[in-house]
Protein backbone atom coordinates (compact mmCIF):
# COMPACT_ATOMS: atom_id res chain seq x y z
CA MET A 1 22.84 17.76 2.50
CA LYS A 2 23.00 15.41 5.48
CA TYR A 3 20.40 12.70 4.88
CA GLY A 4 17.99 11.72 2.15
CA LEU A 5 16.60 9.26 -0.37
CA LEU A 6 18.33 8.77 -3.72
CA GLY A 7 16.19 7.64 -6.64
CA GLU A 8 15.16 8.45 -10.18
CA LYS A 9 11.50 9.36 -9.62
CA LEU A 10 10.34 10.09 -6.08
CA GLY A 11 7.11 12.03 -6.53
CA HIS A 12 5.04 9.55 -4.52
CA SER A 13 7.63 8.65 -1.90
CA PHE A 14 6.59 8.45 1.77
CA SER A 15 10.22 8.51 2.98
CA LYS A 16 10.51 12.17 3.95
CA ILE A 17 7.39 11.91 6.12
CA LEU A 18 8.69 8.66 7.61
CA HIS A 19 12.12 9.94 8.62
CA GLU A 20 10.71 13.18 9.97
CA GLN A 21 8.44 11.12 12.25
CA ILE A 22 11.44 9.10 13.42
CA GLY A 23 13.04 12.44 14.30
CA ASN A 24 15.28 13.24 11.33
CA ASP A 25 14.42 16.76 10.14
CA SER A 26 17.36 16.87 7.69
CA TYR A 27 15.96 14.24 5.32
CA GLU A 28 15.50 15.18 1.64
CA LEU A 29 14.29 13.53 -1.55
CA ILE A 30 17.09 13.42 -4.14
CA GLU A 31 15.98 12.78 -7.72
CA ILE A 32 18.96 12.05 -9.99
CA GLU A 33 18.90 11.03 -13.66
CA LYS A 34 20.57 7.75 -14.56
CA ASP A 35 23.44 9.34 -16.47
CA LYS A 36 24.33 11.50 -13.45
CA VAL A 37 24.03 9.05 -10.57
CA ASP A 38 27.65 7.84 -10.71
CA ARG A 39 28.94 11.36 -10.34
CA PHE A 40 26.54 12.05 -7.48
CA LEU A 41 27.64 8.96 -5.56
CA ALA A 42 31.31 9.77 -6.15
CA GLU A 43 31.16 13.44 -5.20
CA ALA A 44 28.13 14.13 -3.00
CA ASP A 45 28.70 15.21 0.58
CA PHE A 46 26.26 13.44 2.90
CA ASP A 47 26.11 11.69 6.25
CA GLY A 48 23.61 9.02 5.27
CA ILE A 49 21.30 8.25 2.37
CA ASN A 50 18.81 5.59 1.43
CA VAL A 51 18.92 4.27 -2.12
CA THR A 52 15.88 3.10 -4.04
CA ILE A 53 15.06 1.81 -7.52
CA PRO A 54 16.92 1.82 -9.90
CA TYR A 55 20.18 2.55 -8.06
CA LYS A 56 20.44 -0.17 -5.39
CA GLU A 57 22.95 -2.21 -7.37
CA THR A 58 24.77 0.78 -8.85
CA ALA A 59 25.52 2.15 -5.37
CA MET A 60 27.42 -0.99 -4.36
CA ALA A 61 30.46 0.09 -6.37
CA PHE A 62 30.83 3.25 -4.27
CA CYS A 63 30.83 1.74 -0.78
CA GLU A 64 32.26 -0.94 1.46
CA ASN A 65 29.43 -3.44 1.72
CA ASP A 66 28.46 -5.43 4.79
CA GLU A 67 27.88 -9.18 4.64
CA ILE A 68 24.14 -8.98 4.02
CA SER A 69 24.29 -6.43 1.18
CA ALA A 70 27.19 -8.31 -0.41
CA ASP A 71 25.21 -11.57 -0.24
CA ILE A 72 22.05 -10.02 -1.65
CA GLY A 73 23.81 -7.94 -4.30
CA CYS A 74 22.27 -4.55 -3.56
CA VAL A 75 22.26 -1.84 -0.89
CA ASN A 76 19.62 0.57 0.29
CA THR A 77 21.48 2.40 3.08
CA LEU A 78 24.76 4.29 2.81
CA HIS A 79 26.61 5.76 5.78
CA LYS A 80 29.58 8.08 5.37
CA LYS A 81 31.98 7.83 8.28
CA ASP A 82 35.64 8.79 8.63
CA GLY A 83 35.88 9.53 4.93
CA HIS A 84 34.54 6.12 3.90
CA ILE A 85 31.08 5.10 2.62
CA TYR A 86 29.66 1.93 4.12
CA GLY A 87 26.76 0.08 2.54
CA TYR A 88 23.98 -1.90 4.24
CA ASN A 89 20.73 -3.56 3.28
CA THR A 90 18.08 -2.66 5.83
CA ASP A 91 15.39 -3.72 3.34
CA CYS A 92 15.90 -7.32 4.42
CA LEU A 93 15.43 -6.35 8.07
CA GLY A 94 12.31 -4.39 7.12
CA PHE A 95 10.97 -7.33 5.11
CA ALA A 96 11.56 -9.72 7.99
CA TYR A 97 9.69 -7.30 10.25
CA LEU A 98 6.78 -7.08 7.77
CA ALA A 99 6.47 -10.87 7.76
CA SER A 100 6.40 -10.90 11.56
CA THR A 101 3.42 -8.52 11.65
CA ILE A 102 1.14 -11.26 10.29
CA GLY A 103 2.86 -14.06 12.16
CA ILE A 104 4.73 -15.72 9.30
CA ASP A 105 7.04 -18.57 10.27
CA TRP A 106 9.20 -19.35 7.24
CA LYS A 107 10.73 -22.55 8.57
CA GLY A 108 9.83 -25.53 6.41
CA LYS A 109 7.50 -23.49 4.20
CA LYS A 110 7.28 -23.47 0.41
CA VAL A 111 7.67 -19.87 -0.78
CA VAL A 112 6.91 -18.30 -4.14
CA ILE A 113 8.36 -14.87 -4.89
CA LEU A 114 6.87 -12.97 -7.82
CA GLY A 115 9.48 -10.88 -9.61
CA SER A 116 13.25 -11.15 -9.99
CA GLY A 117 14.52 -7.62 -9.24
CA GLY A 118 16.37 -6.23 -6.25
CA THR A 119 13.49 -6.62 -3.80
CA SER A 120 13.01 -10.21 -4.95
CA LYS A 121 16.61 -10.88 -3.89
CA THR A 122 15.88 -9.33 -0.51
CA ALA A 123 12.76 -11.44 0.03
CA SER A 124 14.38 -14.68 -1.10
CA TYR A 125 17.41 -14.04 1.12
CA VAL A 126 15.18 -13.57 4.17
CA ALA A 127 13.24 -16.75 3.32
CA TYR A 128 16.53 -18.65 2.90
CA LYS A 129 18.00 -17.35 6.16
CA SER A 130 14.74 -18.25 7.90
CA ASP A 131 14.91 -21.88 6.76
CA ALA A 132 12.18 -21.99 4.12
CA SER A 133 12.05 -25.47 2.58
CA ARG A 134 11.66 -24.27 -1.03
CA ILE A 135 12.02 -20.84 -2.64
CA THR A 136 10.73 -20.34 -6.18
CA ILE A 137 11.34 -17.07 -7.99
CA VAL A 138 8.78 -16.47 -10.72
CA SER A 139 9.38 -14.07 -13.60
CA ARG A 140 8.15 -13.52 -17.15
CA LYS A 141 11.29 -14.91 -18.77
CA ALA A 142 13.10 -18.12 -17.99
CA THR A 143 16.20 -17.66 -15.82
CA GLU A 144 19.00 -20.16 -15.30
CA ASN A 145 19.24 -21.62 -11.83
CA ALA A 146 22.45 -20.78 -9.96
CA THR A 147 25.07 -23.53 -9.94
CA ASP A 148 27.42 -22.20 -7.26
CA SER A 149 27.33 -23.22 -3.62
CA GLY A 150 25.93 -19.92 -2.38
CA TRP A 151 22.44 -19.17 -1.10
CA ARG A 152 21.18 -18.36 -4.61
CA SER A 153 21.66 -21.99 -5.58
CA LYS A 154 18.84 -22.79 -3.13
CA CYS A 155 16.38 -20.71 -5.18
CA ILE A 156 14.49 -22.27 -8.07
CA HIS A 157 13.61 -20.09 -11.06
CA SER A 158 10.34 -20.52 -12.91
CA THR A 159 7.89 -18.62 -15.12
CA TYR A 160 4.26 -17.64 -14.77
CA GLU A 161 3.30 -20.22 -17.41
CA ASN A 162 4.73 -23.08 -15.33
CA GLU A 163 2.36 -22.68 -12.42
CA GLY A 164 2.48 -26.38 -11.65
CA GLU A 165 5.99 -25.80 -10.28
CA TRP A 166 4.89 -23.34 -7.59
CA SER A 167 1.09 -23.40 -7.16
CA ASP A 168 1.43 -25.44 -3.93
CA ALA A 169 3.26 -22.56 -2.20
CA ASP A 170 2.48 -21.80 1.45
CA ILE A 171 3.67 -18.18 1.30
CA ILE A 172 3.21 -15.80 -1.65
CA VAL A 173 5.36 -12.67 -1.95
CA ASN A 174 4.86 -9.99 -4.61
CA THR A 175 7.94 -7.91 -5.39
CA THR A 176 6.76 -6.72 -8.82
CA PRO A 177 5.22 -3.27 -9.44
CA VAL A 178 1.96 -4.84 -10.63
CA GLY A 179 -0.84 -3.24 -8.62
CA MET A 180 1.14 -0.11 -7.75
CA TYR A 181 -0.32 3.40 -8.11
CA PRO A 182 -1.58 4.60 -10.56
CA ASN A 183 -2.39 1.11 -11.91
CA ASN A 184 -4.19 0.04 -8.74
CA GLU A 185 -6.39 -2.57 -10.40
CA GLY A 186 -3.47 -4.78 -11.39
CA MET A 187 -2.79 -8.15 -9.78
CA PRO A 188 0.35 -10.18 -10.60
CA VAL A 189 -1.30 -13.57 -10.20
CA ASP A 190 -4.75 -15.02 -9.56
CA LEU A 191 -4.91 -16.51 -6.06
CA ASP A 192 -7.17 -19.27 -7.35
CA VAL A 193 -4.04 -20.77 -8.92
CA PHE A 194 -2.77 -21.76 -5.47
CA SER A 195 -3.97 -24.89 -3.72
CA ASP A 196 -3.71 -23.82 -0.08
CA PRO A 197 -1.84 -20.53 0.54
CA LYS A 198 -1.19 -19.63 4.17
CA ALA A 199 0.00 -16.01 3.83
CA VAL A 200 0.45 -13.20 1.29
CA LEU A 201 2.96 -10.34 1.40
CA ASP A 202 3.06 -7.48 -1.10
CA VAL A 203 5.95 -5.02 -0.81
CA ILE A 204 3.88 -2.28 -2.51
CA TYR A 205 2.69 0.44 -0.11
CA ASN A 206 0.92 2.78 -2.56
CA PRO A 207 -1.95 1.93 -2.55
CA LEU A 208 -2.04 1.01 1.11
CA GLU A 209 -3.89 -2.20 0.24
CA THR A 210 -3.26 -3.75 -3.17
CA ARG A 211 -5.86 -5.80 -4.95
CA LEU A 212 -3.73 -8.91 -4.27
CA VAL A 213 -3.82 -8.28 -0.51
CA LEU A 214 -7.54 -7.46 -0.48
CA GLU A 215 -8.32 -10.63 -2.44
CA ALA A 216 -6.28 -12.63 0.07
CA LYS A 217 -8.06 -11.10 3.05
CA LYS A 218 -11.40 -11.77 1.39
CA ARG A 219 -10.43 -15.45 1.37
CA GLY A 220 -9.38 -15.35 5.03
CA ILE A 221 -5.65 -15.53 4.23
CA PRO A 222 -3.36 -13.41 6.47
CA ALA A 223 -1.94 -10.69 4.23
CA SER A 224 -0.17 -7.34 4.35
CA CYS A 225 1.15 -4.66 2.04
CA GLY A 226 4.57 -3.09 2.43
CA LEU A 227 4.09 0.02 4.58
CA ALA A 228 5.43 -1.67 7.72
CA MET A 229 8.47 -2.81 5.71
CA LEU A 230 9.09 0.75 4.55
CA VAL A 231 8.88 2.10 8.10
CA ALA A 232 11.02 -0.67 9.60
CA GLN A 233 13.82 -0.36 7.03
CA GLY A 234 13.84 3.42 7.62
CA TRP A 235 13.99 2.88 11.37
CA TYR A 236 16.93 0.48 10.95
CA SER A 237 18.69 3.03 8.70
CA GLU A 238 18.36 5.66 11.41
CA GLN A 239 19.90 3.25 13.95
CA ILE A 240 22.93 2.98 11.68
CA TRP A 241 23.22 6.72 11.04
CA MET A 242 22.46 8.04 14.50
CA LYS A 243 23.65 5.24 16.79
CA ASN A 244 26.20 3.49 14.58
CA ASP A 245 24.36 0.24 15.32
CA ILE A 246 25.44 -2.25 12.65
CA SER A 247 24.98 -5.40 14.71
CA LEU A 248 21.34 -6.09 13.78
CA LYS A 249 20.70 -9.38 11.95
CA ILE A 250 17.65 -10.91 10.28
CA GLU A 251 17.36 -13.56 12.97
CA ASP A 252 17.57 -11.05 15.85
CA THR A 253 14.47 -10.46 17.94
CA ILE A 254 13.52 -6.80 17.83
CA SER A 255 12.74 -5.19 21.17
CA ASP A 256 9.18 -4.46 22.26
CA GLU A 257 10.08 -0.77 22.47
CA ALA A 258 11.27 -0.74 18.85
CA LYS A 259 8.14 -2.63 17.73
CA GLN A 260 5.95 -0.06 19.42
CA GLU A 261 7.83 2.80 17.77
CA ILE A 262 7.65 1.24 14.30
CA ASP A 263 3.99 0.36 14.76
CA LYS A 264 3.16 3.88 15.95
CA ILE A 265 4.85 5.48 12.92
CA THR A 266 3.23 2.99 10.53
CA LYS A 267 -0.24 3.81 11.87
CA SER A 268 0.48 7.55 11.74
CA ILE A 269 1.59 7.47 8.10
CA LYS A 270 -1.32 5.23 7.14
CA LYS A 271 -3.74 7.67 8.74
CA GLN A 272 -2.20 10.59 6.84
CA LYS A 273 -2.29 8.78 3.51
CA GLN A 274 -5.67 7.11 3.95
CA ASN A 275 -8.80 8.53 2.37
CA ILE A 276 -11.84 8.96 4.60
CA VAL A 277 -14.61 7.54 2.42
CA LEU A 278 -18.23 8.32 3.19
CA ILE A 279 -20.83 5.83 2.00
CA GLY A 280 -24.56 5.72 2.57
CA MET A 281 -27.94 6.33 1.01
CA PRO A 282 -28.65 9.37 -1.17
CA GLY A 283 -29.64 12.22 1.13
CA SER A 284 -27.83 10.83 4.17
CA GLY A 285 -25.58 13.90 4.47
CA LYS A 286 -22.37 12.61 2.93
CA SER A 287 -21.51 15.86 1.17
CA THR A 288 -22.41 18.11 4.10
CA ILE A 289 -20.54 16.00 6.64
CA GLY A 290 -17.66 15.42 4.23
CA LYS A 291 -17.06 19.13 3.65
CA ALA A 292 -17.09 19.73 7.39
CA ILE A 293 -14.58 16.91 8.00
CA ALA A 294 -12.33 18.29 5.27
CA LYS A 295 -12.40 21.72 6.90
CA GLU A 296 -11.62 20.32 10.35
CA LEU A 297 -8.72 18.19 9.07
CA ASN A 298 -7.49 20.63 6.43
CA ARG A 299 -7.89 18.07 3.66
CA GLU A 300 -9.22 18.15 0.13
CA PHE A 301 -12.90 17.25 -0.28
CA VAL A 302 -14.13 15.33 -3.33
CA ASP A 303 -17.73 14.48 -4.12
CA THR A 304 -18.01 11.77 -6.80
CA ASP A 305 -21.23 13.34 -8.14
CA GLU A 306 -19.45 16.65 -8.63
CA ALA A 307 -16.44 14.88 -10.13
CA PHE A 308 -18.85 13.07 -12.46
CA TYR A 309 -20.19 16.39 -13.74
CA LYS A 310 -16.68 17.82 -14.22
CA LYS A 311 -15.65 14.77 -16.23
CA TYR A 312 -18.74 14.27 -18.40
CA GLY A 313 -20.48 17.68 -18.41
CA ILE A 314 -23.72 16.09 -17.23
CA THR A 315 -25.14 15.41 -13.77
CA PRO A 316 -25.77 11.86 -12.54
CA GLU A 317 -29.51 12.61 -12.58
CA GLN A 318 -29.37 13.76 -16.22
CA CYS A 319 -27.28 10.75 -17.21
CA ILE A 320 -29.73 8.30 -15.65
CA ASN A 321 -32.77 10.01 -17.21
CA GLU A 322 -31.21 10.37 -20.66
CA ASN A 323 -28.93 7.32 -21.01
CA GLY A 324 -30.17 4.85 -18.43
CA VAL A 325 -28.78 3.39 -15.21
CA ASP A 326 -26.25 1.05 -16.85
CA ASP A 327 -24.52 3.88 -18.70
CA PHE A 328 -24.43 5.93 -15.52
CA ARG A 329 -22.90 3.09 -13.48
CA GLU A 330 -20.15 2.55 -16.08
CA LYS A 331 -19.23 6.22 -16.07
CA GLU A 332 -19.53 6.49 -12.29
CA SER A 333 -17.17 3.56 -11.83
CA ILE A 334 -14.44 5.33 -13.81
CA VAL A 335 -14.83 8.40 -11.60
CA VAL A 336 -14.82 6.37 -8.37
CA LYS A 337 -11.60 4.55 -9.32
CA GLU A 338 -9.84 7.74 -10.34
CA GLU A 339 -10.70 9.57 -7.13
CA ALA A 340 -10.20 6.59 -4.81
CA ALA A 341 -6.64 6.16 -6.10
CA SER A 342 -5.72 9.46 -4.44
CA GLY A 343 -4.47 9.56 -0.89
CA GLY A 344 -5.44 11.67 2.10
CA ILE A 345 -8.71 13.09 0.77
CA ILE A 346 -12.26 13.14 2.11
CA LEU A 347 -14.35 11.30 -0.45
CA ALA A 348 -18.16 11.40 -0.54
CA THR A 349 -19.61 8.72 -2.81
CA GLY A 350 -22.91 8.33 -4.60
CA GLY A 351 -25.40 6.13 -2.79
CA GLY A 352 -25.12 3.29 -5.30
CA ALA A 353 -21.38 3.49 -5.93
CA VAL A 354 -20.86 0.50 -3.63
CA LEU A 355 -23.03 -1.80 -5.76
CA ARG A 356 -20.16 -2.78 -8.03
CA GLU A 357 -17.45 -5.10 -6.69
CA ASP A 358 -14.69 -3.26 -8.56
CA ASN A 359 -15.78 0.02 -6.93
CA ARG A 360 -15.75 -1.55 -3.48
CA MET A 361 -12.24 -2.84 -4.14
CA ALA A 362 -11.07 0.60 -5.29
CA LEU A 363 -12.58 2.37 -2.28
CA SER A 364 -11.00 -0.12 0.13
CA GLN A 365 -7.46 0.18 -1.23
CA ASN A 366 -6.76 3.58 0.31
CA GLY A 367 -9.93 4.10 2.31
CA PHE A 368 -11.14 4.20 5.88
CA ILE A 369 -14.84 3.72 5.17
CA VAL A 370 -17.52 5.49 7.17
CA PHE A 371 -21.15 4.40 6.74
CA LEU A 372 -23.48 7.32 7.44
CA ASN A 373 -26.73 5.59 8.33
CA ARG A 374 -29.74 7.90 8.32
CA ASP A 375 -33.31 6.86 9.08
CA PRO A 376 -34.67 6.03 5.59
CA LYS A 377 -37.93 7.83 6.45
CA LYS A 378 -35.94 11.08 6.62
CA LEU A 379 -34.07 10.66 3.33
CA ALA A 380 -34.89 13.28 0.69
CA THR A 381 -35.69 12.08 -2.84
CA ASP A 382 -35.58 15.36 -4.79
CA GLY A 383 -33.13 15.09 -7.69
CA ARG A 384 -32.59 11.40 -6.98
CA PRO A 385 -34.29 9.44 -9.75
CA LEU A 386 -33.51 5.97 -8.43
CA SER A 387 -34.99 6.77 -5.03
CA GLN A 388 -38.08 8.10 -6.76
CA GLN A 389 -38.42 5.16 -9.14
CA ASN A 390 -37.74 2.31 -6.72
CA GLY A 391 -38.77 3.76 -3.39
CA VAL A 392 -36.34 4.75 -0.65
CA MET A 393 -37.17 1.85 1.66
CA LYS A 394 -36.64 -0.77 -1.04
CA LEU A 395 -33.28 0.72 -2.01
CA TYR A 396 -32.26 0.97 1.63
CA GLU A 397 -33.04 -2.70 2.29
CA GLN A 398 -31.13 -3.77 -0.82
CA ARG A 399 -28.04 -1.71 -0.06
CA LEU A 400 -27.82 -1.98 3.74
CA PRO A 401 -25.97 -5.36 3.74
CA ILE A 402 -23.43 -3.96 1.26
CA TYR A 403 -22.84 -0.83 3.32
CA LYS A 404 -22.42 -2.96 6.45
CA SER A 405 -19.96 -5.38 4.83
CA LEU A 406 -17.78 -2.59 3.41
CA MET A 407 -17.67 -0.15 6.34
CA ASP A 408 -14.97 0.31 8.95
CA ILE A 409 -17.31 2.26 11.22
CA GLU A 410 -21.02 3.16 11.25
CA VAL A 411 -22.37 6.50 12.42
CA GLU A 412 -26.05 7.16 12.95
CA VAL A 413 -26.98 10.46 11.30
CA CYS A 414 -29.10 12.78 13.41
CA ASP A 415 -30.90 15.99 12.47
CA ASP A 416 -28.11 18.12 13.95
CA TYR A 417 -25.27 17.60 11.52
CA LYS A 418 -22.78 19.15 13.99
CA ASP A 419 -23.48 16.36 16.45
CA THR A 420 -23.02 13.79 13.68
CA LEU A 421 -19.76 15.49 12.67
CA LYS A 422 -18.50 15.37 16.24
CA ARG A 423 -19.16 11.63 16.44
CA VAL A 424 -17.45 10.96 13.10
CA LEU A 425 -14.36 12.94 14.10
CA GLY A 426 -14.22 11.07 17.39
CA MET A 427 -14.12 7.70 15.60
CA ILE A 428 -11.79 8.22 12.64
């Protein structure tokens, strides 16, 4: 083994894809149980490895740590050279880069960091080094404030119950796993608690957009999830392994060339992991177009109506006719959330799936949303009880503003589905 990622559970890791795109074809995922990790670190033959939860602190005992990793108290990058293992923390460089993508200036700002684990240390260290005026670390249990003269003494510890101590924060950072796949609906704190937040960062990158970040954006607050951090820390690791560049500091200005490379890889991974979600009226061609897109892109196709039948043994039409619309919408919402939590699929939704706010949130977390807009006069109503009961035009007028507000792109559906397909493929 030459390069890889060391962790306990790596089934949903993006790291192999990331490092392959940077140009490292020797990168592997290395899952090691807790009782075997010490032996691995002591005996394994490697050139360079990244270290993730829960081994970032454990690995420090097996390497010579640089100033940043020693200050923070954890490493994420190991480099074996001349028989010695050297440890670095490129997470802090990646986090600083993430903050720069939404224009955060830490100087003089009040910062609240949710969570007290290894990534919390990384985030608070970056905020400290960038001259934040106050750094509050919030956790479930009370923690004693540091009394030494080091940087940790500049961080205040609080709990979620004592929101009066941190609700005036300018910058909110989530380093907890709340909101991470498969529990995508979670949110570590209600943004209404804060008086006037200026920015939100969430280090989670699966889903691509957490509920916390989406809620922030809905309020007009600059916000980002952690994919750019993941890519940037991986890029910095490769600089250490391949170029022996250990001079990079948090305060350094990254070159435009490096920014372009990191941004290009971030967009590429996001596109691979993002669902293409088709919304629109019943009969607008979502299933037909969706299957064709899936074939062209070699991706899995999922139709929420078909998934509904597989889950409940009854079609949406039968459910509406036998149990009523409310029962159908409750069941449909469960299906939508389950399927939307996946990554990289083509997802065709029922025409009314967008009516519920929680469904819209779920579809947006991993989705690039395509509104297929077909002339309502040409929409079929066979097998579609709501269209028959309420009239297609009335439903269309009610739902059009919702489709428009949720979509990333709109494609007019014509009678030749191949032409429609061509236009969709040219825009996604």
